[in-house]
Amino acid sequence: QLQLVESGGGLVQPGESLRLSCTASGRAFEYYAIAWFRQAPGKEREGVSCISNTASNTYYTDSVKGRFTISRDNAKNTVYLQMNSLKVEDTAVYYCNAYLNVYHDYWGQGTQVTVSS
């Protein structure tokens, strides 16, 4: 079992940057694919980015391509989401998800990102 804790959210102005972290406690973190999702008020949760267990594959939703970068450090049990050139529409609660199979699928509690002038 994994326990995930997100951090790094906050209030920033448009065009600024934030780096989110997702740190796991538990075993076998290095086998899990990790994804970032976000949910804005009144909207469904959407996938933002994900990274394979070895970091050989990454994915970004179109709206964040070229602005966000996902990375991981398996030695630290941590995945990062570097968010640059933030826009008002990036405002949401960001969640970390660790997925191995249907029996090993874990979520963090979320971290708030607010982009406002």
Protein backbone atom coordinates (compact mmCIF):
# COMPACT_ATOMS: atom_id res chain seq x y z
CA GLN A 1 0.00 0.00 0.00
CA LEU A 2 1.12 3.55 -0.74
CA GLN A 3 0.24 6.79 0.97
CA LEU A 4 0.62 9.89 -1.17
CA VAL A 5 1.10 13.46 -0.02
CA GLU A 6 0.99 16.38 -2.45
CA SER A 7 2.66 19.70 -1.71
CA GLY A 8 3.74 22.86 -3.45
CA GLY A 9 0.42 24.42 -4.29
CA GLY A 10 -0.34 28.05 -3.67
CA LEU A 11 -1.52 31.36 -5.04
CA VAL A 12 0.41 32.81 -7.98
CA GLN A 13 -0.13 35.37 -10.70
CA PRO A 14 -0.59 34.48 -14.37
CA GLY A 15 2.74 33.70 -16.00
CA GLU A 16 4.39 32.54 -12.81
CA SER A 17 5.55 29.04 -11.91
CA LEU A 18 4.96 26.41 -9.26
CA ARG A 19 6.44 22.98 -8.64
CA LEU A 20 4.18 20.36 -7.17
CA SER A 21 5.56 17.34 -5.36
CA CYS A 22 3.94 14.00 -4.71
CA THR A 23 5.78 12.00 -2.08
CA ALA A 24 4.91 8.40 -1.33
CA SER A 25 5.39 6.29 1.74
CA GLY A 26 5.18 2.55 1.39
CA ARG A 27 6.73 -0.15 -0.67
CA ALA A 28 7.46 -0.58 -4.34
CA PHE A 29 6.98 3.03 -5.42
CA GLU A 30 9.36 2.39 -8.29
CA TYR A 31 6.86 -0.01 -9.89
CA TYR A 32 3.99 2.47 -10.03
CA ALA A 33 3.00 4.77 -12.83
CA ILE A 34 2.18 8.18 -11.39
CA ALA A 35 -0.34 10.66 -12.73
CA TRP A 36 -1.42 14.17 -11.88
CA PHE A 37 -5.10 15.01 -12.13
CA ARG A 38 -6.86 18.27 -11.41
CA GLN A 39 -10.37 19.32 -10.59
CA ALA A 40 -11.64 22.85 -10.94
CA PRO A 41 -14.81 24.03 -9.19
CA GLY A 42 -17.88 22.73 -10.98
CA LYS A 43 -15.85 20.62 -13.38
CA GLU A 44 -14.95 16.96 -13.66
CA ARG A 45 -11.55 15.69 -12.64
CA GLU A 46 -9.20 15.61 -15.61
CA GLY A 47 -5.88 13.97 -16.26
CA VAL A 48 -3.02 16.44 -16.60
CA SER A 49 0.13 14.38 -16.94
CA CYS A 50 1.55 10.98 -16.17
CA ILE A 51 4.89 9.22 -16.05
CA SER A 52 5.79 5.56 -16.31
CA ASN A 53 7.59 3.77 -13.50
CA THR A 54 11.00 4.15 -15.15
CA ALA A 55 10.25 7.65 -16.48
CA SER A 56 10.75 6.38 -20.01
CA ASN A 57 7.27 7.52 -21.03
CA THR A 58 5.39 10.69 -20.22
CA TYR A 59 2.05 12.13 -21.25
CA TYR A 60 0.56 15.61 -21.14
CA THR A 61 -2.92 16.81 -21.88
CA ASP A 62 -2.96 19.29 -24.73
CA SER A 63 -3.71 22.32 -22.59
CA VAL A 64 -0.45 21.99 -20.61
CA LYS A 65 1.95 20.78 -23.29
CA GLY A 66 5.04 22.96 -23.43
CA ARG A 67 4.29 24.50 -20.03
CA PHE A 68 4.28 21.58 -17.58
CA THR A 69 6.99 18.98 -17.04
CA ILE A 70 6.60 15.79 -15.05
CA SER A 71 9.58 13.99 -13.55
CA ARG A 72 10.30 11.48 -10.83
CA ASP A 73 13.02 10.52 -8.39
CA ASN A 74 12.45 6.94 -7.33
CA ALA A 75 15.22 7.19 -4.74
CA LYS A 76 13.15 9.85 -2.99
CA ASN A 77 9.75 8.25 -3.71
CA THR A 78 8.73 11.55 -5.27
CA VAL A 79 7.16 12.76 -8.49
CA TYR A 80 7.29 16.40 -9.50
CA LEU A 81 5.12 18.55 -11.71
CA GLN A 82 6.88 21.71 -12.81
CA MET A 83 4.25 24.19 -13.94
CA ASN A 84 5.43 27.23 -15.88
CA SER A 85 3.54 30.05 -17.55
CA LEU A 86 0.54 29.38 -15.38
CA LYS A 87 -2.85 30.55 -16.57
CA VAL A 88 -6.03 31.39 -14.72
CA GLU A 89 -7.58 28.26 -16.20
CA ASP A 90 -4.97 26.12 -14.44
CA THR A 91 -6.67 26.94 -11.14
CA ALA A 92 -7.77 23.66 -9.55
CA VAL A 93 -7.08 21.15 -6.85
CA TYR A 94 -4.26 18.94 -8.10
CA TYR A 95 -4.23 15.28 -7.13
CA CYS A 96 -1.54 12.67 -7.38
CA ASN A 97 -2.43 9.10 -8.35
CA ALA A 98 -0.26 6.01 -8.15
CA TYR A 99 -1.37 3.07 -10.26
CA LEU A 100 0.00 -0.44 -10.49
CA ASN A 101 -3.17 -2.44 -11.15
CA VAL A 102 -6.81 -2.33 -10.10
CA TYR A 103 -5.86 -3.57 -6.66
CA HIS A 104 -3.13 -1.02 -6.16
CA ASP A 105 -4.54 2.36 -7.10
CA TYR A 106 -3.93 5.20 -4.65
CA TRP A 107 -4.76 8.90 -4.40
CA GLY A 108 -3.40 11.79 -2.42
CA GLN A 109 -5.50 14.39 -0.66
CA GLY A 110 -4.83 17.15 -3.19
CA THR A 111 -3.16 20.53 -3.19
CA GLN A 112 -4.79 23.80 -4.23
CA VAL A 113 -3.33 25.80 -7.09
CA THR A 114 -4.82 29.24 -7.64
CA VAL A 115 -3.73 31.47 -10.49
CA SER A 116 -5.12 34.95 -10.19
CA SER A 117 -4.09 38.53 -10.79
